[in-house]
Every structure is written in structure tokens, then in C-alpha cells.
Amino acid sequence: MRHTEFWSRMEHHLGAAYARTWASQQVMADLDGRTVQEALDAGVSPKQVWLAVWERLGLPPSER
């Protein structure tokens, strides 16, 4: 997964105005206690970050 696809999915589920704010505020244990944005900035793959987001948001398996 590329960063563009990751952000497209984030915007689809959270809205364009809120996706980046949510990503900068949500600290997640699955990302070693980092926010979504911190994990991406640290080089964690967008796919791995998406799986953590997917789980946190409780999205259906089809969105995985």
C-alpha cells in the first residue's frame, strides 16, 4: 500500500477535514505507543499502520 492509498482510505472513513487531525492525535499501542502520523514518519509501512487504524475503527473485514 502506498501513502496515497492510505490517506485516501483515511479520508474515506474519517472525512477529508478530520483524517489528518485524527492521525496526529490517536496514540496506538499497535504502533508502539505512537500516533498514526508518528508511525508513518518513522518509516512504518502504510499497510501496517492501516491495519492498526482498521482495528481501532472497527471497520468491516472488506475494508482491511
PDB file of N, CA and C in Angstrom:
ATOM      1  N   MET A   1       0.846  -1.170   0.000  1.00  0.00           N
ATOM      2  CA  MET A   1       0.000   0.000   0.000  1.00  0.00           C
ATOM      3  C   MET A   1       0.898   1.243   0.000  1.00  0.00           C
ATOM      4  N   ARG A   2       0.545   2.188  -0.835  1.00  0.00           N
ATOM      5  CA  ARG A   2       1.273   3.460  -0.892  1.00  0.00           C
ATOM      6  C   ARG A   2       0.637   4.465   0.072  1.00  0.00           C
ATOM      7  N   HIS A   3       1.396   5.485   0.366  1.00  0.00           N
ATOM      8  CA  HIS A   3       0.885   6.529   1.264  1.00  0.00           C
ATOM      9  C   HIS A   3      -0.378   7.174   0.695  1.00  0.00           C
ATOM     10  N   THR A   4      -0.432   7.341  -0.621  1.00  0.00           N
ATOM     11  CA  THR A   4      -1.619   7.967  -1.218  1.00  0.00           C
ATOM     12  C   THR A   4      -2.863   7.121  -0.993  1.00  0.00           C
ATOM     13  N   GLU A   5      -2.731   5.805  -1.111  1.00  0.00           N
ATOM     14  CA  GLU A   5      -3.878   4.932  -0.861  1.00  0.00           C
ATOM     15  C   GLU A   5      -4.262   4.966   0.618  1.00  0.00           C
ATOM     16  N   PHE A   6      -3.254   4.969   1.487  1.00  0.00           N
ATOM     17  CA  PHE A   6      -3.522   5.047   2.922  1.00  0.00           C
ATOM     18  C   PHE A   6      -4.348   6.285   3.243  1.00  0.00           C
ATOM     19  N   TRP A   7      -3.892   7.441   2.763  1.00  0.00           N
ATOM     20  CA  TRP A   7      -4.607   8.687   3.086  1.00  0.00           C
ATOM     21  C   TRP A   7      -5.981   8.734   2.421  1.00  0.00           C
ATOM     22  N   SER A   8      -6.106   8.134   1.261  1.00  0.00           N
ATOM     23  CA  SER A   8      -7.416   8.058   0.616  1.00  0.00           C
ATOM     24  C   SER A   8      -8.394   7.261   1.474  1.00  0.00           C
ATOM     25  N   ARG A   9      -7.925   6.144   2.015  1.00  0.00           N
ATOM     26  CA  ARG A   9      -8.772   5.336   2.901  1.00  0.00           C
ATOM     27  C   ARG A   9      -9.117   6.102   4.174  1.00  0.00           C
ATOM     28  N   MET A  10      -8.130   6.782   4.730  1.00  0.00           N
ATOM     29  CA  MET A  10      -8.376   7.561   5.946  1.00  0.00           C
ATOM     30  C   MET A  10      -9.451   8.619   5.694  1.00  0.00           C
ATOM     31  N   GLU A  11      -9.327   9.320   4.589  1.00  0.00           N
ATOM     32  CA  GLU A  11     -10.295  10.369   4.264  1.00  0.00           C
ATOM     33  C   GLU A  11     -11.675   9.790   3.979  1.00  0.00           C
ATOM     34  N   HIS A  12     -11.713   8.629   3.377  1.00  0.00           N
ATOM     35  CA  HIS A  12     -12.990   7.974   3.096  1.00  0.00           C
ATOM     36  C   HIS A  12     -13.738   7.661   4.401  1.00  0.00           C
ATOM     37  N   HIS A  13     -13.013   7.172   5.394  1.00  0.00           N
ATOM     38  CA  HIS A  13     -13.649   6.741   6.635  1.00  0.00           C
ATOM     39  C   HIS A  13     -13.798   7.847   7.679  1.00  0.00           C
ATOM     40  N   LEU A  14     -12.919   8.824   7.651  1.00  0.00           N
ATOM     41  CA  LEU A  14     -12.966   9.871   8.672  1.00  0.00           C
ATOM     42  C   LEU A  14     -13.320  11.253   8.136  1.00  0.00           C
ATOM     43  N   GLY A  15     -13.315  11.397   6.842  1.00  0.00           N
ATOM     44  CA  GLY A  15     -13.571  12.697   6.236  1.00  0.00           C
ATOM     45  C   GLY A  15     -12.268  13.436   5.979  1.00  0.00           C
ATOM     46  N   ALA A  16     -12.234  14.182   4.907  1.00  0.00           N
ATOM     47  CA  ALA A  16     -11.011  14.882   4.499  1.00  0.00           C
ATOM     48  C   ALA A  16     -10.544  15.878   5.552  1.00  0.00           C
ATOM     49  N   ALA A  17     -11.483  16.513   6.219  1.00  0.00           N
ATOM     50  CA  ALA A  17     -11.117  17.538   7.196  1.00  0.00           C
ATOM     51  C   ALA A  17     -10.596  16.947   8.504  1.00  0.00           C
ATOM     52  N   TYR A  18     -10.973  15.722   8.828  1.00  0.00           N
ATOM     53  CA  TYR A  18     -10.646  15.151  10.126  1.00  0.00           C
ATOM     54  C   TYR A  18      -9.538  14.094  10.090  1.00  0.00           C
ATOM     55  N   ALA A  19      -9.290  13.482   8.947  1.00  0.00           N
ATOM     56  CA  ALA A  19      -8.359  12.347   8.860  1.00  0.00           C
ATOM     57  C   ALA A  19      -6.964  12.678   9.396  1.00  0.00           C
ATOM     58  N   ARG A  20      -6.403  13.777   8.977  1.00  0.00           N
ATOM     59  CA  ARG A  20      -5.042  14.115   9.421  1.00  0.00           C
ATOM     60  C   ARG A  20      -4.994  14.548  10.879  1.00  0.00           C
ATOM     61  N   THR A  21      -6.044  15.200  11.340  1.00  0.00           N
ATOM     62  CA  THR A  21      -6.111  15.556  12.752  1.00  0.00           C
ATOM     63  C   THR A  21      -6.170  14.292  13.598  1.00  0.00           C
ATOM     64  N   TRP A  22      -7.030  13.366  13.227  1.00  0.00           N
ATOM     65  CA  TRP A  22      -7.149  12.098  13.944  1.00  0.00           C
ATOM     66  C   TRP A  22      -5.811  11.369  13.943  1.00  0.00           C
ATOM     67  N   ALA A  23      -5.148  11.360  12.796  1.00  0.00           N
ATOM     68  CA  ALA A  23      -3.861  10.665  12.657  1.00  0.00           C
ATOM     69  C   ALA A  23      -2.780  11.274  13.549  1.00  0.00           C
ATOM     70  N   SER A  24      -2.882  12.543  13.822  1.00  0.00           N
ATOM     71  CA  SER A  24      -1.858  13.193  14.644  1.00  0.00           C
ATOM     72  C   SER A  24      -2.186  13.133  16.136  1.00  0.00           C
ATOM     73  N   GLN A  25      -3.398  12.669  16.484  1.00  0.00           N
ATOM     74  CA  GLN A  25      -3.800  12.661  17.887  1.00  0.00           C
ATOM     75  C   GLN A  25      -3.990  11.273  18.491  1.00  0.00           C
ATOM     76  N   GLN A  26      -4.254  10.283  17.681  1.00  0.00           N
ATOM     77  CA  GLN A  26      -4.545   8.948  18.191  1.00  0.00           C
ATOM     78  C   GLN A  26      -3.272   8.163  18.474  1.00  0.00           C
ATOM     79  N   VAL A  27      -2.969   7.958  19.740  1.00  0.00           N
ATOM     80  CA  VAL A  27      -1.820   7.141  20.137  1.00  0.00           C
ATOM     81  C   VAL A  27      -2.301   5.693  20.173  1.00  0.00           C
ATOM     82  N   MET A  28      -1.553   4.819  19.529  1.00  0.00           N
ATOM     83  CA  MET A  28      -1.996   3.439  19.392  1.00  0.00           C
ATOM     84  C   MET A  28      -0.937   2.460  19.886  1.00  0.00           C
ATOM     85  N   ALA A  29      -1.358   1.545  20.744  1.00  0.00           N
ATOM     86  CA  ALA A  29      -0.446   0.526  21.267  1.00  0.00           C
ATOM     87  C   ALA A  29       0.115  -0.328  20.141  1.00  0.00           C
ATOM     88  N   ASP A  30      -0.702  -0.622  19.127  1.00  0.00           N
ATOM     89  CA  ASP A  30      -0.258  -1.443  17.991  1.00  0.00           C
ATOM     90  C   ASP A  30       0.857  -0.772  17.186  1.00  0.00           C
ATOM     91  N   LEU A  31       1.041   0.510  17.407  1.00  0.00           N
ATOM     92  CA  LEU A  31       2.100   1.261  16.713  1.00  0.00           C
ATOM     93  C   LEU A  31       3.187   1.668  17.700  1.00  0.00           C
ATOM     94  N   ASP A  32       3.375   0.849  18.718  1.00  0.00           N
ATOM     95  CA  ASP A  32       4.408   1.080  19.743  1.00  0.00           C
ATOM     96  C   ASP A  32       4.221   2.401  20.479  1.00  0.00           C
ATOM     97  N   GLY A  33       2.964   2.735  20.751  1.00  0.00           N
ATOM     98  CA  GLY A  33       2.678   3.942  21.514  1.00  0.00           C
ATOM     99  C   GLY A  33       2.869   5.230  20.732  1.00  0.00           C
ATOM    100  N   ARG A  34       2.842   5.125  19.423  1.00  0.00           N
ATOM    101  CA  ARG A  34       2.973   6.318  18.570  1.00  0.00           C
ATOM    102  C   ARG A  34       1.630   6.659  17.959  1.00  0.00           C
ATOM    103  N   THR A  35       1.533   7.879  17.478  1.00  0.00           N
ATOM    104  CA  THR A  35       0.356   8.247  16.708  1.00  0.00           C
ATOM    105  C   THR A  35       0.515   7.672  15.308  1.00  0.00           C
ATOM    106  N   VAL A  36      -0.557   7.701  14.561  1.00  0.00           N
ATOM    107  CA  VAL A  36      -0.524   7.251  13.168  1.00  0.00           C
ATOM    108  C   VAL A  36       0.536   8.043  12.397  1.00  0.00           C
ATOM    109  N   GLN A  37       0.524   9.346  12.552  1.00  0.00           N
ATOM    110  CA  GLN A  37       1.475  10.194  11.821  1.00  0.00           C
ATOM    111  C   GLN A  37       2.907   9.907  12.246  1.00  0.00           C
ATOM    112  N   GLU A  38       3.148   9.741  13.544  1.00  0.00           N
ATOM    113  CA  GLU A  38       4.495   9.425  14.024  1.00  0.00           C
ATOM    114  C   GLU A  38       4.989   8.098  13.463  1.00  0.00           C
ATOM    115  N   ALA A  39       4.107   7.116  13.408  1.00  0.00           N
ATOM    116  CA  ALA A  39       4.491   5.810  12.865  1.00  0.00           C
ATOM    117  C   ALA A  39       4.866   5.927  11.389  1.00  0.00           C
ATOM    118  N   LEU A  40       4.071   6.639  10.631  1.00  0.00           N
ATOM    119  CA  LEU A  40       4.387   6.830   9.210  1.00  0.00           C
ATOM    120  C   LEU A  40       5.702   7.584   9.048  1.00  0.00           C
ATOM    121  N   ASP A  41       5.896   8.625   9.830  1.00  0.00           N
ATOM    122  CA  ASP A  41       7.127   9.414   9.765  1.00  0.00           C
ATOM    123  C   ASP A  41       8.350   8.584  10.145  1.00  0.00           C
ATOM    124  N   ALA A  42       8.149   7.585  11.014  1.00  0.00           N
ATOM    125  CA  ALA A  42       9.253   6.727  11.457  1.00  0.00           C
ATOM    126  C   ALA A  42       9.550   5.601  10.458  1.00  0.00           C
ATOM    127  N   GLY A  43       8.763   5.528   9.396  1.00  0.00           N
ATOM    128  CA  GLY A  43       9.025   4.535   8.362  1.00  0.00           C
ATOM    129  C   GLY A  43       8.218   3.248   8.465  1.00  0.00           C
ATOM    130  N   VAL A  44       7.246   3.217   9.373  1.00  0.00           N
ATOM    131  CA  VAL A  44       6.367   2.052   9.444  1.00  0.00           C
ATOM    132  C   VAL A  44       5.556   2.017   8.148  1.00  0.00           C
ATOM    133  N   SER A  45       5.387   0.836   7.586  1.00  0.00           N
ATOM    134  CA  SER A  45       4.691   0.732   6.305  1.00  0.00           C
ATOM    135  C   SER A  45       3.241   1.196   6.434  1.00  0.00           C
ATOM    136  N   PRO A  46       2.737   1.884   5.412  1.00  0.00           N
ATOM    137  CA  PRO A  46       1.344   2.319   5.443  1.00  0.00           C
ATOM    138  C   PRO A  46       0.375   1.159   5.650  1.00  0.00           C
ATOM    139  N   LYS A  47       0.699  -0.018   5.116  1.00  0.00           N
ATOM    140  CA  LYS A  47      -0.174  -1.180   5.285  1.00  0.00           C
ATOM    141  C   LYS A  47      -0.259  -1.573   6.763  1.00  0.00           C
ATOM    142  N   GLN A  48       0.868  -1.597   7.448  1.00  0.00           N
ATOM    143  CA  GLN A  48       0.867  -1.935   8.868  1.00  0.00           C
ATOM    144  C   GLN A  48       0.101  -0.894   9.670  1.00  0.00           C
ATOM    145  N   VAL A  49       0.293   0.363   9.330  1.00  0.00           N
ATOM    146  CA  VAL A  49      -0.433   1.431  10.022  1.00  0.00           C
ATOM    147  C   VAL A  49      -1.929   1.307   9.739  1.00  0.00           C
ATOM    148  N   TRP A  50      -2.276   1.017   8.483  1.00  0.00           N
ATOM    149  CA  TRP A  50      -3.687   0.873   8.131  1.00  0.00           C
ATOM    150  C   TRP A  50      -4.332  -0.247   8.939  1.00  0.00           C
ATOM    151  N   LEU A  51      -3.639  -1.362   9.112  1.00  0.00           N
ATOM    152  CA  LEU A  51      -4.212  -2.470   9.876  1.00  0.00           C
ATOM    153  C   LEU A  51      -4.511  -2.047  11.316  1.00  0.00           C
ATOM    154  N   ALA A  52      -3.649  -1.232  11.891  1.00  0.00           N
ATOM    155  CA  ALA A  52      -3.890  -0.719  13.240  1.00  0.00           C
ATOM    156  C   ALA A  52      -5.097   0.218  13.247  1.00  0.00           C
ATOM    157  N   VAL A  53      -5.181   1.081  12.243  1.00  0.00           N
ATOM    158  CA  VAL A  53      -6.325   2.004  12.129  1.00  0.00           C
ATOM    159  C   VAL A  53      -7.607   1.220  11.914  1.00  0.00           C
ATOM    160  N   TRP A  54      -7.552   0.253  11.017  1.00  0.00           N
ATOM    161  CA  TRP A  54      -8.710  -0.586  10.699  1.00  0.00           C
ATOM    162  C   TRP A  54      -9.265  -1.237  11.961  1.00  0.00           C
ATOM    163  N   GLU A  55      -8.362  -1.763  12.765  1.00  0.00           N
ATOM    164  CA  GLU A  55      -8.796  -2.407  14.006  1.00  0.00           C
ATOM    165  C   GLU A  55      -9.378  -1.389  14.982  1.00  0.00           C
ATOM    166  N   ARG A  56      -8.710  -0.252  15.144  1.00  0.00           N
ATOM    167  CA  ARG A  56      -9.170   0.785  16.090  1.00  0.00           C
ATOM    168  C   ARG A  56     -10.558   1.285  15.710  1.00  0.00           C
ATOM    169  N   LEU A  57     -10.796   1.464  14.419  1.00  0.00           N
ATOM    170  CA  LEU A  57     -12.084   1.988  13.966  1.00  0.00           C
ATOM    171  C   LEU A  57     -13.174   0.924  13.901  1.00  0.00           C
ATOM    172  N   GLY A  58     -12.784  -0.343  14.023  1.00  0.00           N
ATOM    173  CA  GLY A  58     -13.766  -1.414  13.964  1.00  0.00           C
ATOM    174  C   GLY A  58     -14.413  -1.555  12.600  1.00  0.00           C
ATOM    175  N   LEU A  59     -13.613  -1.377  11.561  1.00  0.00           N
ATOM    176  CA  LEU A  59     -14.119  -1.438  10.202  1.00  0.00           C
ATOM    177  C   LEU A  59     -14.364  -2.892   9.790  1.00  0.00           C
ATOM    178  N   PRO A  60     -15.241  -3.113   8.821  1.00  0.00           N
ATOM    179  CA  PRO A  60     -15.551  -4.480   8.389  1.00  0.00           C
ATOM    180  C   PRO A  60     -14.354  -5.127   7.686  1.00  0.00           C
ATOM    181  N   PRO A  61     -14.322  -6.461   7.660  1.00  0.00           N
ATOM    182  CA  PRO A  61     -13.209  -7.172   7.015  1.00  0.00           C
ATOM    183  C   PRO A  61     -12.980  -6.758   5.558  1.00  0.00           C
ATOM    184  N   SER A  62     -14.012  -6.354   4.873  1.00  0.00           N
ATOM    185  CA  SER A  62     -13.861  -5.950   3.473  1.00  0.00           C
ATOM    186  C   SER A  62     -12.998  -4.708   3.310  1.00  0.00           C
ATOM    187  N   GLU A  63     -12.807  -3.939   4.381  1.00  0.00           N
ATOM    188  CA  GLU A  63     -12.013  -2.719   4.335  1.00  0.00           C
ATOM    189  C   GLU A  63     -10.555  -2.949   4.731  1.00  0.00           C
ATOM    190  N   ARG A  64     -10.249  -4.176   5.077  1.00  0.00           N
ATOM    191  CA  ARG A  64      -8.914  -4.494   5.538  1.00  0.00           C
ATOM    192  C   ARG A  64      -7.940  -4.348   4.405  1.00  0.00           C
TER     193      ARG A  64
END
